[in-house]
C-alpha atoms as a PDB file:
ATOM      1  CA  MET A   1      13.348   7.010   4.476  1.00  0.00           C
ATOM      2  CA  VAL A   2      15.679   6.453   2.154  1.00  0.00           C
ATOM      3  CA  ALA A   3      16.318   3.216   3.690  1.00  0.00           C
ATOM      4  CA  LEU A   4      12.927   2.484   4.385  1.00  0.00           C
ATOM      5  CA  LEU A   5      11.391   3.231   1.287  1.00  0.00           C
ATOM      6  CA  ALA A   6      14.730   3.012  -1.365  1.00  0.00           C
ATOM      7  CA  PRO A   7      13.581  -1.274  -2.207  1.00  0.00           C
ATOM      8  CA  TRP A   8      10.088  -0.463  -2.825  1.00  0.00           C
ATOM      9  CA  ILE A   9      10.576   2.814  -5.242  1.00  0.00           C
ATOM     10  CA  ILE A  10      13.661   0.734  -7.335  1.00  0.00           C
ATOM     11  CA  SER A  11      11.409  -2.131  -7.539  1.00  0.00           C
ATOM     12  CA  ALA A  12       8.654   0.285  -8.489  1.00  0.00           C
ATOM     13  CA  VAL A  13      10.612   1.393 -11.598  1.00  0.00           C
ATOM     14  CA  LEU A  14      12.416  -1.422 -12.768  1.00  0.00           C
ATOM     15  CA  THR A  15       8.621  -3.342 -12.742  1.00  0.00           C
ATOM     16  CA  LEU A  16       7.305   0.462 -14.853  1.00  0.00           C
ATOM     17  CA  ALA A  17      10.733  -0.219 -17.323  1.00  0.00           C
ATOM     18  CA  VAL A  18      10.048  -3.969 -17.983  1.00  0.00           C
ATOM     19  CA  HIS A  19       6.658  -2.806 -19.252  1.00  0.00           C
ATOM     20  CA  GLU A  20       7.368   0.296 -21.186  1.00  0.00           C
ATOM     21  CA  THR A  21      10.411  -2.089 -22.749  1.00  0.00           C
ATOM     22  CA  SER A  22       8.620  -5.836 -23.131  1.00  0.00           C
ATOM     23  CA  HIS A  23       5.101  -4.688 -22.651  1.00  0.00           C
ATOM     24  CA  VAL A  24       4.345  -7.092 -19.841  1.00  0.00           C
ATOM     25  CA  SER A  25       2.165  -6.284 -17.946  1.00  0.00           C
ATOM     26  CA  LEU A  26       1.465  -6.361 -14.049  1.00  0.00           C
ATOM     27  CA  THR A  27       1.180  -9.848 -12.505  1.00  0.00           C
ATOM     28  CA  GLN A  28       0.017  -9.601  -8.630  1.00  0.00           C
ATOM     29  CA  LEU A  29       1.042 -12.928  -8.163  1.00  0.00           C
ATOM     30  CA  PRO A  30       4.438 -14.230  -8.276  1.00  0.00           C
ATOM     31  CA  THR A  31       4.275 -17.657 -10.237  1.00  0.00           C
ATOM     32  CA  TYR A  32       7.904 -19.597  -9.283  1.00  0.00           C
ATOM     33  CA  ASP A  33       5.807 -23.767 -10.586  1.00  0.00           C
ATOM     34  CA  PRO A  34       2.786 -23.509 -12.354  1.00  0.00           C
ATOM     35  CA  HIS A  35       2.164 -26.882 -12.248  1.00  0.00           C
ATOM     36  CA  GLN A  36       2.257 -26.550  -8.569  1.00  0.00           C
ATOM     37  CA  PRO A  37       0.056 -23.637  -7.047  1.00  0.00           C
ATOM     38  CA  VAL A  38       0.203 -24.010  -3.760  1.00  0.00           C
ATOM     39  CA  LEU A  39       4.090 -24.003  -3.458  1.00  0.00           C
ATOM     40  CA  ASN A  40       3.546 -20.481  -5.242  1.00  0.00           C
ATOM     41  CA  VAL A  41       1.410 -19.740  -2.318  1.00  0.00           C
ATOM     42  CA  ILE A  42       3.788 -20.615   0.182  1.00  0.00           C
ATOM     43  CA  LEU A  43       6.701 -19.150  -1.714  1.00  0.00           C
ATOM     44  CA  GLY A  44       5.001 -16.020  -3.083  1.00  0.00           C
ATOM     45  CA  LEU A  45       4.498 -15.218   0.988  1.00  0.00           C
ATOM     46  CA  LEU A  46       7.863 -16.202   1.821  1.00  0.00           C
ATOM     47  CA  SER A  47       8.923 -13.322  -1.051  1.00  0.00           C
ATOM     48  CA  TYR A  48       6.759 -10.899   0.724  1.00  0.00           C
ATOM     49  CA  LEU A  49       7.703 -11.095   4.337  1.00  0.00           C
ATOM     50  CA  PRO A  50      11.219  -8.516   3.471  1.00  0.00           C
ATOM     51  CA  VAL A  51       8.429  -6.552   2.930  1.00  0.00           C
ATOM     52  CA  ALA A  52       7.739  -6.093   6.647  1.00  0.00           C
ATOM     53  CA  ALA A  53      11.357  -5.335   8.069  1.00  0.00           C
ATOM     54  CA  VAL A  54      10.318  -1.916   7.722  1.00  0.00           C
ATOM     55  CA  VAL A  55       8.562  -2.385  10.856  1.00  0.00           C
ATOM     56  CA  PRO A  56      10.023  -3.161  13.417  1.00  0.00           C
ATOM     57  CA  LEU A  57      13.497  -0.717  11.969  1.00  0.00           C
ATOM     58  CA  ALA A  58      11.233   2.287  12.086  1.00  0.00           C
ATOM     59  CA  LEU A  59       9.123   1.435  15.555  1.00  0.00           C
ATOM     60  CA  LEU A  60      13.463   1.107  16.985  1.00  0.00           C
ATOM     61  CA  LEU A  61      14.203   4.645  15.933  1.00  0.00           C
ATOM     62  CA  LEU A  62      11.160   5.655  16.865  1.00  0.00           C
ATOM     63  CA  ALA A  63      11.909   4.504  20.513  1.00  0.00           C
ATOM     64  CA  ARG A  64      15.207   5.634  20.766  1.00  0.00           C
ATOM     65  CA  THR A  65      13.886   9.458  20.960  1.00  0.00           C
ATOM     66  CA  GLY A  66      10.838   8.377  23.575  1.00  0.00           C
ATOM     67  CA  GLN A  67       7.526   7.617  21.331  1.00  0.00           C
ATOM     68  CA  SER A  68       6.218   4.502  21.996  1.00  0.00           C
ATOM     69  CA  PRO A  69       3.767   2.176  19.644  1.00  0.00           C
ATOM     70  CA  ALA A  70       0.901   3.578  22.076  1.00  0.00           C
ATOM     71  CA  ASP A  71       2.135   7.121  21.089  1.00  0.00           C
ATOM     72  CA  LEU A  72       1.339   6.535  16.975  1.00  0.00           C
ATOM     73  CA  GLY A  73      -2.248   5.062  18.067  1.00  0.00           C
ATOM     74  CA  LEU A  74      -0.728   1.674  17.564  1.00  0.00           C
ATOM     75  CA  THR A  75      -2.673   0.014  20.158  1.00  0.00           C
ATOM     76  CA  ARG A  76      -6.118  -2.365  19.780  1.00  0.00           C
ATOM     77  CA  ALA A  77      -8.834  -0.731  16.903  1.00  0.00           C
ATOM     78  CA  ARG A  78     -12.033   0.074  19.332  1.00  0.00           C
ATOM     79  CA  LEU A  79     -15.535  -0.311  17.488  1.00  0.00           C
ATOM     80  CA  PRO A  80     -15.357   3.885  16.497  1.00  0.00           C
ATOM     81  CA  ASP A  81     -11.521   2.952  14.922  1.00  0.00           C
ATOM     82  CA  ILE A  82     -13.377   0.236  12.782  1.00  0.00           C
ATOM     83  CA  GLY A  83     -16.025   2.121  12.155  1.00  0.00           C
ATOM     84  CA  VAL A  84     -13.853   5.346  10.695  1.00  0.00           C
ATOM     85  CA  ALA A  85     -11.951   2.823   8.532  1.00  0.00           C
ATOM     86  CA  PHE A  86     -14.155   1.734   6.795  1.00  0.00           C
ATOM     87  CA  GLY A  87     -14.949   4.988   5.399  1.00  0.00           C
ATOM     88  CA  LEU A  88     -11.699   5.709   4.743  1.00  0.00           C
ATOM     89  CA  MET A  89     -11.666   2.088   2.233  1.00  0.00           C
ATOM     90  CA  ALA A  90     -14.873   3.728   1.025  1.00  0.00           C
ATOM     91  CA  ALA A  91     -14.016   6.760   0.448  1.00  0.00           C
ATOM     92  CA  GLY A  92     -10.244   6.316  -1.412  1.00  0.00           C
ATOM     93  CA  LEU A  93     -12.323   3.219  -3.017  1.00  0.00           C
ATOM     94  CA  GLY A  94     -15.145   5.928  -4.362  1.00  0.00           C
ATOM     95  CA  CYS A  95     -12.658   8.761  -5.470  1.00  0.00           C
ATOM     96  CA  GLU A  96     -10.675   6.211  -6.780  1.00  0.00           C
ATOM     97  CA  PHE A  97     -13.509   4.452  -9.450  1.00  0.00           C
ATOM     98  CA  LEU A  98     -14.668   8.479 -10.693  1.00  0.00           C
ATOM     99  CA  LEU A  99     -10.861   9.267 -11.237  1.00  0.00           C
ATOM    100  CA  ALA A 100     -10.972   5.089 -13.372  1.00  0.00           C
ATOM    101  CA  ILE A 101     -13.477   6.264 -15.564  1.00  0.00           C
ATOM    102  CA  PRO A 102     -11.191   9.178 -18.002  1.00  0.00           C
ATOM    103  CA  PHE A 103      -8.425   5.597 -17.390  1.00  0.00           C
ATOM    104  CA  THR A 104     -11.008   3.387 -19.831  1.00  0.00           C
ATOM    105  CA  LEU A 105      -9.628   5.723 -22.768  1.00  0.00           C
ATOM    106  CA  LEU A 106      -6.327   5.299 -22.194  1.00  0.00           C
ATOM    107  CA  ARG A 107      -6.691   1.123 -21.348  1.00  0.00           C
ATOM    108  CA  HIS A 108      -3.870  -0.249 -24.146  1.00  0.00           C
ATOM    109  CA  SER A 109      -1.964   3.163 -23.834  1.00  0.00           C
ATOM    110  CA  PRO A 110       1.662   1.868 -22.569  1.00  0.00           C
ATOM    111  CA  LEU A 111       1.754   4.613 -20.165  1.00  0.00           C
ATOM    112  CA  VAL A 112      -0.656   2.797 -18.591  1.00  0.00           C
ATOM    113  CA  ASN A 113       0.628  -0.743 -16.699  1.00  0.00           C
ATOM    114  CA  THR A 114      -2.404  -2.378 -15.142  1.00  0.00           C
ATOM    115  CA  ALA A 115      -3.198  -6.126 -13.972  1.00  0.00           C
ATOM    116  CA  GLY A 116      -6.457  -7.878 -14.861  1.00  0.00           C
ATOM    117  CA  ARG A 117      -8.417 -10.652 -13.241  1.00  0.00           C
ATOM    118  CA  LEU A 118      -6.542 -13.300 -11.832  1.00  0.00           C
ATOM    119  CA  HIS A 119      -7.413 -17.207 -13.273  1.00  0.00           C
ATOM    120  CA  VAL A 120      -6.324 -18.617  -9.909  1.00  0.00           C
ATOM    121  CA  PRO A 121      -7.960 -21.301  -7.337  1.00  0.00           C
ATOM    122  CA  ALA A 122      -9.854 -19.684  -4.718  1.00  0.00           C
ATOM    123  CA  TYR A 123      -7.492 -20.478  -1.618  1.00  0.00           C
ATOM    124  CA  TYR A 124      -4.983 -18.143  -3.221  1.00  0.00           C
ATOM    125  CA  ILE A 125      -7.195 -15.188  -1.309  1.00  0.00           C
ATOM    126  CA  ILE A 126      -4.648 -16.388   1.582  1.00  0.00           C
ATOM    127  CA  PHE A 127      -1.818 -14.892  -0.269  1.00  0.00           C
ATOM    128  CA  GLY A 128      -4.164 -12.293  -1.222  1.00  0.00           C
ATOM    129  CA  LEU A 129      -5.139 -11.483   2.756  1.00  0.00           C
ATOM    130  CA  SER A 130      -1.656 -11.841   4.205  1.00  0.00           C
ATOM    131  CA  GLN A 131       0.169  -9.621   1.353  1.00  0.00           C
ATOM    132  CA  ALA A 132      -2.361  -6.877   1.835  1.00  0.00           C
ATOM    133  CA  LEU A 133      -1.972  -6.895   5.811  1.00  0.00           C
ATOM    134  CA  ILE A 134       1.740  -6.806   5.459  1.00  0.00           C
ATOM    135  CA  THR A 135       1.839  -3.797   3.250  1.00  0.00           C
ATOM    136  CA  ALA A 136      -0.427  -2.077   5.237  1.00  0.00           C
ATOM    137  CA  ILE A 137       1.033  -2.143   8.223  1.00  0.00           C
ATOM    138  CA  ALA A 138       5.147  -1.392   6.619  1.00  0.00           C
ATOM    139  CA  GLU A 139       3.747   1.480   4.456  1.00  0.00           C
ATOM    140  CA  GLU A 140       1.270   3.028   7.205  1.00  0.00           C
ATOM    141  CA  THR A 141       4.197   2.819   9.604  1.00  0.00           C
ATOM    142  CA  ALA A 142       6.877   3.637   7.762  1.00  0.00           C
ATOM    143  CA  VAL A 143       5.161   6.910   5.360  1.00  0.00           C
ATOM    144  CA  SER A 144       2.679   7.650   7.991  1.00  0.00           C
ATOM    145  CA  GLY A 145       3.763   6.892  11.592  1.00  0.00           C
ATOM    146  CA  TYR A 146       7.812   7.233  11.337  1.00  0.00           C
ATOM    147  CA  LEU A 147       7.769   9.812   8.539  1.00  0.00           C
ATOM    148  CA  LEU A 148       5.112  12.426  10.076  1.00  0.00           C
ATOM    149  CA  THR A 149       6.414  11.759  13.459  1.00  0.00           C
ATOM    150  CA  ARG A 150      10.131  12.741  12.461  1.00  0.00           C
ATOM    151  CA  LEU A 151       8.544  15.439  10.132  1.00  0.00           C
ATOM    152  CA  ASP A 152       7.137  17.112  13.187  1.00  0.00           C
ATOM    153  CA  GLN A 153       9.706  17.129  15.282  1.00  0.00           C
ATOM    154  CA  LEU A 154      11.779  18.669  12.815  1.00  0.00           C
ATOM    155  CA  GLY A 155       9.521  21.857  12.876  1.00  0.00           C
ATOM    156  CA  TRP A 156       8.008  20.943   9.500  1.00  0.00           C
ATOM    157  CA  ARG A 157       3.949  22.780   9.115  1.00  0.00           C
ATOM    158  CA  PRO A 158       1.213  19.713   8.375  1.00  0.00           C
ATOM    159  CA  TRP A 159       0.740  20.835   5.267  1.00  0.00           C
ATOM    160  CA  PRO A 160       4.443  21.038   3.624  1.00  0.00           C
ATOM    161  CA  ALA A 161       5.170  17.019   5.227  1.00  0.00           C
ATOM    162  CA  PHE A 162       1.408  16.070   4.070  1.00  0.00           C
ATOM    163  CA  TRP A 163       2.575  16.698   0.570  1.00  0.00           C
ATOM    164  CA  LEU A 164       5.768  15.337   1.214  1.00  0.00           C
ATOM    165  CA  SER A 165       4.694  11.816   2.955  1.00  0.00           C
ATOM    166  CA  LEU A 166       1.773  11.609  -0.413  1.00  0.00           C
ATOM    167  CA  ALA A 167       4.885  12.327  -2.633  1.00  0.00           C
ATOM    168  CA  LEU A 168       6.769   9.741  -1.089  1.00  0.00           C
ATOM    169  CA  ARG A 169       3.882   6.917  -0.722  1.00  0.00           C
ATOM    170  CA  THR A 170       2.938   7.756  -4.736  1.00  0.00           C
ATOM    171  CA  SER A 171       6.192   7.014  -5.681  1.00  0.00           C
ATOM    172  CA  TYR A 172       6.313   3.223  -4.713  1.00  0.00           C
ATOM    173  CA  HIS A 173       3.198   3.026  -6.936  1.00  0.00           C
ATOM    174  CA  VAL A 174       4.706   4.171 -10.454  1.00  0.00           C
ATOM    175  CA  TYR A 175       5.034   0.655 -11.364  1.00  0.00           C
ATOM    176  CA  TYR A 176       1.229   1.899 -12.865  1.00  0.00           C
ATOM    177  CA  GLY A 177       2.874   4.904 -14.690  1.00  0.00           C
ATOM    178  CA  LEU A 178       0.277   6.912 -15.502  1.00  0.00           C
ATOM    179  CA  GLY A 179      -2.484   5.080 -13.142  1.00  0.00           C
ATOM    180  CA  ALA A 180      -0.225   5.840 -10.251  1.00  0.00           C
ATOM    181  CA  VAL A 181      -2.199   8.692  -9.650  1.00  0.00           C
ATOM    182  CA  LEU A 182      -5.177   6.592  -8.806  1.00  0.00           C
ATOM    183  CA  THR A 183      -3.315   5.737  -5.310  1.00  0.00           C
ATOM    184  CA  LEU A 184      -3.568   9.245  -4.751  1.00  0.00           C
ATOM    185  CA  PRO A 185      -7.084   9.493  -3.177  1.00  0.00           C
ATOM    186  CA  LEU A 186      -6.624   6.740  -0.829  1.00  0.00           C
ATOM    187  CA  GLY A 187      -3.111   7.911   0.028  1.00  0.00           C
ATOM    188  CA  TYR A 188      -4.770  11.326   0.700  1.00  0.00           C
ATOM    189  CA  PHE A 189      -7.421   9.998   3.232  1.00  0.00           C
ATOM    190  CA  LEU A 190      -4.768   7.667   4.800  1.00  0.00           C
ATOM    191  CA  THR A 191      -2.467  10.226   5.339  1.00  0.00           C
ATOM    192  CA  ARG A 192      -4.756  12.955   6.645  1.00  0.00           C
ATOM    193  CA  SER A 193      -6.609  10.742   9.049  1.00  0.00           C
ATOM    194  CA  PHE A 194      -2.857   9.798  10.805  1.00  0.00           C
ATOM    195  CA  GLN A 195      -2.030  13.815  10.881  1.00  0.00           C
ATOM    196  CA  LYS A 196      -5.623  14.710  12.459  1.00  0.00           C
ATOM    197  CA  HIS A 197      -5.688  11.646  15.202  1.00  0.00           C
ATOM    198  CA  GLY A 198      -2.775  10.271  15.496  1.00  0.00           C
ATOM    199  CA  LYS A 199      -4.045   6.623  15.707  1.00  0.00           C
ATOM    200  CA  LEU A 200      -2.050   4.571  13.247  1.00  0.00           C
ATOM    201  CA  SER A 201      -3.843   1.692  14.048  1.00  0.00           C
ATOM    202  CA  ARG A 202      -7.265   3.302  11.603  1.00  0.00           C
ATOM    203  CA  PRO A 203      -5.278   4.163   8.359  1.00  0.00           C
ATOM    204  CA  ILE A 204      -3.522   0.383   8.924  1.00  0.00           C
ATOM    205  CA  LEU A 205      -7.247  -1.299   8.927  1.00  0.00           C
ATOM    206  CA  ALA A 206      -8.492   1.111   6.506  1.00  0.00           C
ATOM    207  CA  HIS A 207      -5.135   0.086   3.932  1.00  0.00           C
ATOM    208  CA  PHE A 208      -5.638  -3.566   4.516  1.00  0.00           C
ATOM    209  CA  LEU A 209      -9.793  -3.391   3.896  1.00  0.00           C
ATOM    210  CA  TYR A 210      -8.962  -1.731   0.731  1.00  0.00           C
ATOM    211  CA  ASP A 211      -6.658  -3.935  -0.805  1.00  0.00           C
ATOM    212  CA  SER A 212      -8.137  -7.086   0.945  1.00  0.00           C
ATOM    213  CA  LEU A 213     -11.520  -6.379  -1.027  1.00  0.00           C
ATOM    214  CA  ILE A 214      -8.816  -5.562  -4.064  1.00  0.00           C
ATOM    215  CA  PHE A 215      -7.327  -8.813  -3.833  1.00  0.00           C
ATOM    216  CA  LEU A 216     -11.162 -11.042  -3.279  1.00  0.00           C
ATOM    217  CA  ILE A 217     -12.079  -9.152  -6.576  1.00  0.00           C
ATOM    218  CA  THR A 218      -9.729  -9.983  -9.303  1.00  0.00           C
ATOM    219  CA  ILE A 219      -9.288 -13.611  -7.710  1.00  0.00           C
ATOM    220  CA  LEU A 220     -12.933 -14.361  -7.184  1.00  0.00           C
ATOM    221  CA  ALA A 221     -14.281 -12.782 -10.162  1.00  0.00           C
ATOM    222  CA  ARG A 222     -15.251 -15.203 -13.273  1.00  0.00           C
END
């Protein structure tokens, strides 16, 4: 888990540190050349691909102890799974909206690192959807599929395993500052879904839908 999550956590801490010291707001899209937006999309996709490296690593480690992707529920999502995924996404988004209300009072606090609407061409959706897909598969495979499976094999009880998984999931969102609290509802629903049903396809799809919706709003909103 240190190998899987350390790069994400270190990156999150550094992002928050830069915000605290230089008051630079969170940027959701990389900028390599402001005059070539298409190049930004291509290079942004390439720069984010290493995140996906945790997936084959985690699956290989699990395969060595007899757990196949099918055992983790990494199978084709059926109609009921798609319905559950939409429900998980809606539940997480609704709870986050309620939690976000008090945060409006902290809008200008240095303890909260936020990102506003993106003033970029509509085709940046390609980057947003690709990043959402990579993030969803990588995160759910690491903190649910791998970690919860290993903790169960080690004899951990469900709730201690759940809280450890949720804590690690939240830790690499620390770049939001206090805003990391807003990631808890979705993390709760996704973690419990896999823990109770053992179907990784559901939280992956729900996570992808959630991140995609956020990107669509920030890119297309005017």
